């Protein structure tokens, strides 16, 4: 922040300067890298565990290998929220705003830097989990290949979900500004609420973020209706599901930016 203030005349900074400032802050926090590494390692470990316990080659083996991405999304969103709320709890937000008082630009820079890092780690976690889960398959089951229909798409979109859920957490942090409350809302709305809504109203449940990730983005199957089901509403297909997730992230970030620009530090 001091580097930005010293090198850039007042009012003459742009997105590049803000993004550089956010990158310096982000890379200096070891907790950020530990959290990202933990989420990646957890996704891979769960993929291996599921692979070891897979007994039928007729299952969606790609979806099985990427099962660990779901709990990893918890850490991604929590980290995104903390990137904003921790500045409020520590008082650093005042220094940040002194260096870059254009708040919408500041939040955009924060979202861009964190989103790029989350995307990189998400794709790494998705690809490593896919190959590790495939290597763990036993009982004569052949590992899926990226050249098979829908497999590469599922792996890539699984990593993209890691980024988008992280940005939703960041937006919630800008809206709520309190760490515990932001994390509670993120976990409640994205992980707890789908359990109840999905069981009660399936037509609504298919549009919930975690349901989209598990049943639209990371699957290679074209239908998710249970055999013999009398009342079956198919899940969203992959690309519409990604669009809905991106819309969620855009709406939450827009709301966070609007409030961020209008409230005191």
Protein backbone atom coordinates (compact mmCIF):
# COMPACT_ATOMS: atom_id res chain seq x y z
CA UNK A 1 0.00 0.00 0.00
CA UNK A 2 2.80 2.43 0.82
CA UNK A 3 4.48 1.49 -2.45
CA UNK A 4 1.33 2.37 -4.34
CA UNK A 5 0.98 5.69 -2.54
CA UNK A 6 4.63 6.60 -3.03
CA UNK A 7 4.91 5.78 -6.72
CA UNK A 8 1.51 6.93 -7.95
CA UNK A 9 0.31 10.57 -7.78
CA UNK A 10 -2.94 11.09 -5.92
CA UNK A 11 -5.90 10.24 -8.13
CA UNK A 12 -3.64 8.84 -10.89
CA UNK A 13 -3.75 5.14 -10.20
CA UNK A 14 -5.54 2.47 -12.17
CA UNK A 15 -6.57 -1.14 -12.04
CA UNK A 16 -2.99 -2.32 -12.56
CA UNK A 17 -1.79 -0.49 -9.45
CA UNK A 18 -4.65 -1.75 -7.31
CA UNK A 19 -4.20 -5.32 -8.51
CA UNK A 20 -0.48 -5.14 -7.72
CA UNK A 21 -1.24 -3.86 -4.23
CA UNK A 22 -3.71 -6.69 -3.63
CA UNK A 23 -1.23 -9.25 -4.95
CA UNK A 24 1.44 -8.00 -2.54
CA UNK A 25 -0.97 -8.26 0.39
CA UNK A 26 -2.23 -11.68 -0.65
CA UNK A 27 1.13 -13.28 -1.24
CA UNK A 28 2.46 -12.01 2.10
CA UNK A 29 -0.17 -13.97 4.04
CA UNK A 30 1.05 -17.50 4.66
CA UNK A 31 -2.41 -18.51 5.84
CA UNK A 32 -3.70 -17.92 2.31
CA UNK A 33 -1.30 -20.40 0.78
CA UNK A 34 -1.79 -22.91 3.58
CA UNK A 35 -5.56 -22.76 3.11
CA UNK A 36 -5.29 -23.19 -0.65
CA UNK A 37 -2.81 -26.02 -0.26
CA UNK A 38 -5.03 -27.72 2.31
CA UNK A 39 -8.07 -27.49 0.08
CA UNK A 40 -6.10 -28.92 -2.85
CA UNK A 41 -4.67 -31.76 -0.74
CA UNK A 42 -8.08 -32.53 0.71
CA UNK A 43 -9.69 -32.71 -2.72
CA UNK A 44 -7.00 -35.13 -3.91
CA UNK A 45 -7.18 -37.28 -0.76
CA UNK A 46 -10.96 -37.65 -1.01
CA UNK A 47 -10.69 -38.49 -4.70
CA UNK A 48 -8.20 -41.25 -3.89
CA UNK A 49 -10.41 -42.57 -1.07
CA UNK A 50 -13.45 -42.68 -3.33
CA UNK A 51 -11.41 -44.39 -6.03
CA UNK A 52 -10.22 -47.08 -3.64
CA UNK A 53 -13.82 -47.80 -2.62
CA UNK A 54 -15.30 -47.81 -6.13
CA UNK A 55 -16.47 -51.30 -7.03
CA UNK A 56 -18.34 -50.76 -10.30
CA UNK A 57 -17.07 -49.44 -13.60
CA UNK A 58 -20.57 -48.33 -14.56
CA UNK A 59 -20.47 -45.40 -12.14
CA UNK A 60 -19.49 -41.90 -13.22
CA UNK A 61 -15.81 -42.37 -12.40
CA UNK A 62 -14.93 -38.77 -13.23
CA UNK A 63 -17.55 -37.47 -10.84
CA UNK A 64 -16.27 -39.88 -8.18
CA UNK A 65 -12.68 -38.64 -8.59
CA UNK A 66 -13.82 -35.02 -8.28
CA UNK A 67 -15.96 -35.63 -5.18
CA UNK A 68 -13.32 -33.95 -3.00
CA UNK A 69 -13.92 -30.62 -4.70
CA UNK A 70 -17.16 -30.15 -2.77
CA UNK A 71 -15.56 -29.80 0.71
CA UNK A 72 -12.69 -27.85 -0.90
CA UNK A 73 -15.26 -25.27 -2.00
CA UNK A 74 -15.96 -24.61 1.66
CA UNK A 75 -12.39 -23.45 2.23
CA UNK A 76 -12.36 -21.45 -1.00
CA UNK A 77 -15.41 -19.40 -0.02
CA UNK A 78 -14.26 -18.95 3.56
CA UNK A 79 -10.89 -17.68 2.36
CA UNK A 80 -12.60 -15.28 -0.04
CA UNK A 81 -14.72 -13.87 2.77
CA UNK A 82 -11.73 -13.51 5.11
CA UNK A 83 -9.76 -11.54 2.53
CA UNK A 84 -12.26 -8.72 3.02
CA UNK A 85 -13.46 -9.14 6.60
CA UNK A 86 -9.96 -9.53 8.05
CA UNK A 87 -9.11 -6.02 6.85
CA UNK A 88 -12.08 -4.65 8.76
CA UNK A 89 -11.30 -6.59 11.94
CA UNK A 90 -7.65 -5.51 11.90
CA UNK A 91 -8.33 -1.91 10.86
CA UNK A 92 -6.16 -2.33 7.75
CA UNK A 93 -9.08 -1.27 5.58
CA UNK A 94 -8.38 2.37 6.49
CA UNK A 95 -4.83 2.15 5.16
CA UNK A 96 -6.05 0.36 2.06
CA UNK A 97 -8.64 3.05 1.35
CA UNK A 98 -6.09 5.78 2.01
CA UNK A 99 -3.88 4.30 -0.71
CA UNK A 100 -6.73 3.50 -3.11
CA UNK A 101 -9.90 5.44 -2.24
CA UNK A 102 -11.80 4.40 -5.41
CA UNK A 103 -13.72 1.61 -3.74
CA UNK A 104 -15.33 -0.14 -6.75
CA UNK A 105 -11.92 -0.31 -8.41
CA UNK A 106 -10.39 -1.61 -5.20
CA UNK A 107 -12.92 -4.42 -4.86
CA UNK A 108 -12.54 -5.27 -8.54
CA UNK A 109 -8.78 -5.57 -8.10
CA UNK A 110 -9.20 -7.75 -5.03
CA UNK A 111 -11.68 -9.99 -6.84
CA UNK A 112 -9.48 -10.28 -9.93
CA UNK A 113 -6.34 -11.22 -8.01
CA UNK A 114 -8.06 -13.68 -5.71
CA UNK A 115 -10.13 -15.10 -8.57
CA UNK A 116 -7.02 -15.77 -10.66
CA UNK A 117 -5.25 -17.50 -7.78
CA UNK A 118 -8.34 -19.51 -6.84
CA UNK A 119 -8.78 -20.57 -10.47
CA UNK A 120 -5.17 -21.75 -10.69
CA UNK A 121 -5.42 -23.77 -7.49
CA UNK A 122 -8.87 -25.05 -8.41
CA UNK A 123 -7.70 -26.36 -11.77
CA UNK A 124 -4.63 -27.92 -10.16
CA UNK A 125 -6.79 -29.62 -7.51
CA UNK A 126 -9.28 -30.82 -10.14
CA UNK A 127 -6.69 -32.32 -12.49
CA UNK A 128 -4.58 -33.89 -9.73
CA UNK A 129 -7.67 -35.36 -8.06
CA UNK A 130 -8.86 -36.75 -11.39
CA UNK A 131 -5.60 -38.55 -12.14
CA UNK A 132 -5.04 -39.64 -8.54
CA UNK A 133 -8.60 -40.94 -8.21
CA UNK A 134 -8.24 -42.83 -11.48
CA UNK A 135 -4.94 -44.35 -10.39
CA UNK A 136 -6.56 -45.56 -7.15
CA UNK A 137 -9.23 -47.61 -8.94
CA UNK A 138 -9.11 -51.34 -8.25
CA UNK A 139 -11.21 -54.43 -9.12
CA UNK A 140 -10.08 -54.27 -12.72
CA UNK A 141 -11.80 -50.93 -13.33
CA UNK A 142 -10.16 -48.84 -16.04
CA UNK A 143 -9.43 -45.24 -15.18
CA UNK A 144 -11.32 -42.60 -17.21
CA UNK A 145 -9.37 -40.65 -19.81
CA UNK A 146 -9.54 -36.98 -20.67
CA UNK A 147 -10.29 -37.93 -24.27
CA UNK A 148 -13.59 -39.57 -23.32
CA UNK A 149 -16.80 -37.56 -23.90
CA UNK A 150 -17.43 -34.94 -21.25
CA UNK A 151 -14.43 -35.82 -19.07
CA UNK A 152 -12.15 -32.87 -19.85
CA UNK A 153 -15.11 -30.50 -19.56
CA UNK A 154 -16.01 -31.90 -16.13
CA UNK A 155 -12.44 -31.55 -14.84
CA UNK A 156 -12.02 -28.00 -16.15
CA UNK A 157 -15.41 -26.79 -14.89
CA UNK A 158 -14.76 -28.37 -11.51
CA UNK A 159 -11.71 -26.15 -11.15
CA UNK A 160 -13.69 -23.13 -12.34
CA UNK A 161 -16.26 -23.76 -9.60
CA UNK A 162 -13.49 -23.41 -7.01
CA UNK A 163 -12.90 -19.87 -8.31
CA UNK A 164 -16.57 -18.87 -8.56
CA UNK A 165 -17.49 -20.09 -5.07
CA UNK A 166 -14.46 -18.24 -3.72
CA UNK A 167 -15.70 -15.03 -5.36
CA UNK A 168 -19.14 -15.55 -3.83
CA UNK A 169 -17.43 -15.75 -0.43
CA UNK A 170 -15.48 -12.58 -1.19
CA UNK A 171 -18.67 -10.77 -2.15
CA UNK A 172 -20.37 -11.89 1.05
CA UNK A 173 -17.39 -10.57 2.99
CA UNK A 174 -17.84 -7.16 1.37
CA UNK A 175 -21.56 -7.19 2.17
CA UNK A 176 -21.38 -8.39 5.78
CA UNK A 177 -17.87 -7.19 6.82
CA UNK A 178 -17.81 -9.45 9.90
CA UNK A 179 -15.79 -12.67 9.62
CA UNK A 180 -17.94 -15.01 11.70
CA UNK A 181 -21.21 -13.74 10.23
CA UNK A 182 -19.95 -13.88 6.64
CA UNK A 183 -18.66 -17.43 7.08
CA UNK A 184 -21.92 -18.49 8.76
CA UNK A 185 -23.98 -17.09 5.87
CA UNK A 186 -21.70 -18.70 3.28
CA UNK A 187 -21.77 -22.13 4.92
CA UNK A 188 -25.47 -21.93 5.75
CA UNK A 189 -26.67 -20.80 2.34
CA UNK A 190 -24.34 -22.89 0.20
CA UNK A 191 -23.92 -26.08 2.23
CA UNK A 192 -26.69 -26.42 4.84
CA UNK A 193 -29.69 -24.90 3.08
CA UNK A 194 -29.39 -27.11 -0.05
CA UNK A 195 -29.88 -30.19 2.13
CA UNK A 196 -33.35 -29.00 3.13
CA UNK A 197 -34.43 -27.32 -0.10
CA UNK A 198 -33.13 -30.12 -2.30
CA UNK A 199 -35.16 -32.67 -0.37
CA UNK A 200 -38.33 -30.58 -0.26
CA UNK A 201 -38.40 -28.84 -3.63
CA UNK A 202 -36.20 -30.50 -6.23
CA UNK A 203 -37.15 -27.94 -8.89
CA UNK A 204 -35.49 -25.25 -6.76
CA UNK A 205 -32.65 -27.41 -5.51
CA UNK A 206 -31.18 -27.91 -8.98
CA UNK A 207 -30.28 -24.19 -9.06
CA UNK A 208 -28.32 -24.21 -5.80
CA UNK A 209 -24.53 -23.75 -6.18
CA UNK A 210 -23.34 -26.95 -4.50
CA UNK A 211 -25.94 -29.03 -6.32
CA UNK A 212 -24.80 -27.48 -9.61
CA UNK A 213 -21.17 -28.30 -8.92
CA UNK A 214 -21.85 -31.90 -7.88
CA UNK A 215 -24.49 -32.79 -10.46
CA UNK A 216 -23.92 -30.48 -13.42
CA UNK A 217 -20.30 -29.35 -13.69
CA UNK A 218 -18.34 -32.42 -12.55
CA UNK A 219 -20.47 -35.15 -14.10
CA UNK A 220 -20.16 -36.74 -17.53
CA UNK A 221 -23.67 -38.16 -17.55
CA UNK A 222 -26.40 -36.39 -19.47
CA UNK A 223 -29.18 -37.22 -17.01
CA UNK A 224 -29.43 -37.43 -13.25
CA UNK A 225 -32.90 -38.95 -12.95
CA UNK A 226 -33.05 -42.01 -10.75
CA UNK A 227 -34.15 -45.19 -12.51
CA UNK A 228 -37.84 -45.77 -11.91
CA UNK A 229 -38.47 -42.28 -10.55
CA UNK A 230 -42.02 -41.08 -11.15
CA UNK A 231 -41.35 -37.37 -10.56
CA UNK A 232 -37.97 -36.47 -11.96
CA UNK A 233 -36.62 -33.01 -12.72
CA UNK A 234 -33.25 -33.30 -14.51
CA UNK A 235 -30.30 -31.31 -13.21
CA UNK A 236 -28.89 -28.44 -15.24
CA UNK A 237 -26.44 -29.37 -17.96
CA UNK A 238 -22.82 -28.28 -17.58
CA UNK A 239 -22.68 -24.94 -19.40
CA UNK A 240 -26.01 -23.54 -18.14
CA UNK A 241 -24.91 -24.63 -14.66
CA UNK A 242 -21.65 -22.71 -15.04
CA UNK A 243 -23.63 -19.69 -16.22
CA UNK A 244 -25.85 -19.79 -13.14
CA UNK A 245 -22.80 -20.02 -10.86
CA UNK A 246 -21.18 -17.08 -12.64
CA UNK A 247 -24.41 -15.10 -12.28
CA UNK A 248 -24.48 -15.80 -8.53
CA UNK A 249 -20.89 -14.57 -8.21
CA UNK A 250 -21.59 -11.45 -10.30
CA UNK A 251 -24.70 -10.54 -8.29
CA UNK A 252 -23.03 -11.00 -4.90
CA UNK A 253 -19.94 -9.06 -5.99
CA UNK A 254 -22.09 -6.27 -7.44
CA UNK A 255 -24.06 -6.01 -4.19
CA UNK A 256 -20.83 -6.04 -2.20
CA UNK A 257 -19.33 -3.34 -4.41
CA UNK A 258 -22.43 -1.16 -4.11
CA UNK A 259 -22.43 -1.38 -0.32
CA UNK A 260 -18.65 -1.05 -0.13
CA UNK A 261 -18.83 2.26 -2.00
CA UNK A 262 -21.56 3.69 0.23
CA UNK A 263 -20.58 2.70 3.76
CA UNK A 264 -17.92 4.08 6.05
CA UNK A 265 -14.80 2.02 6.69
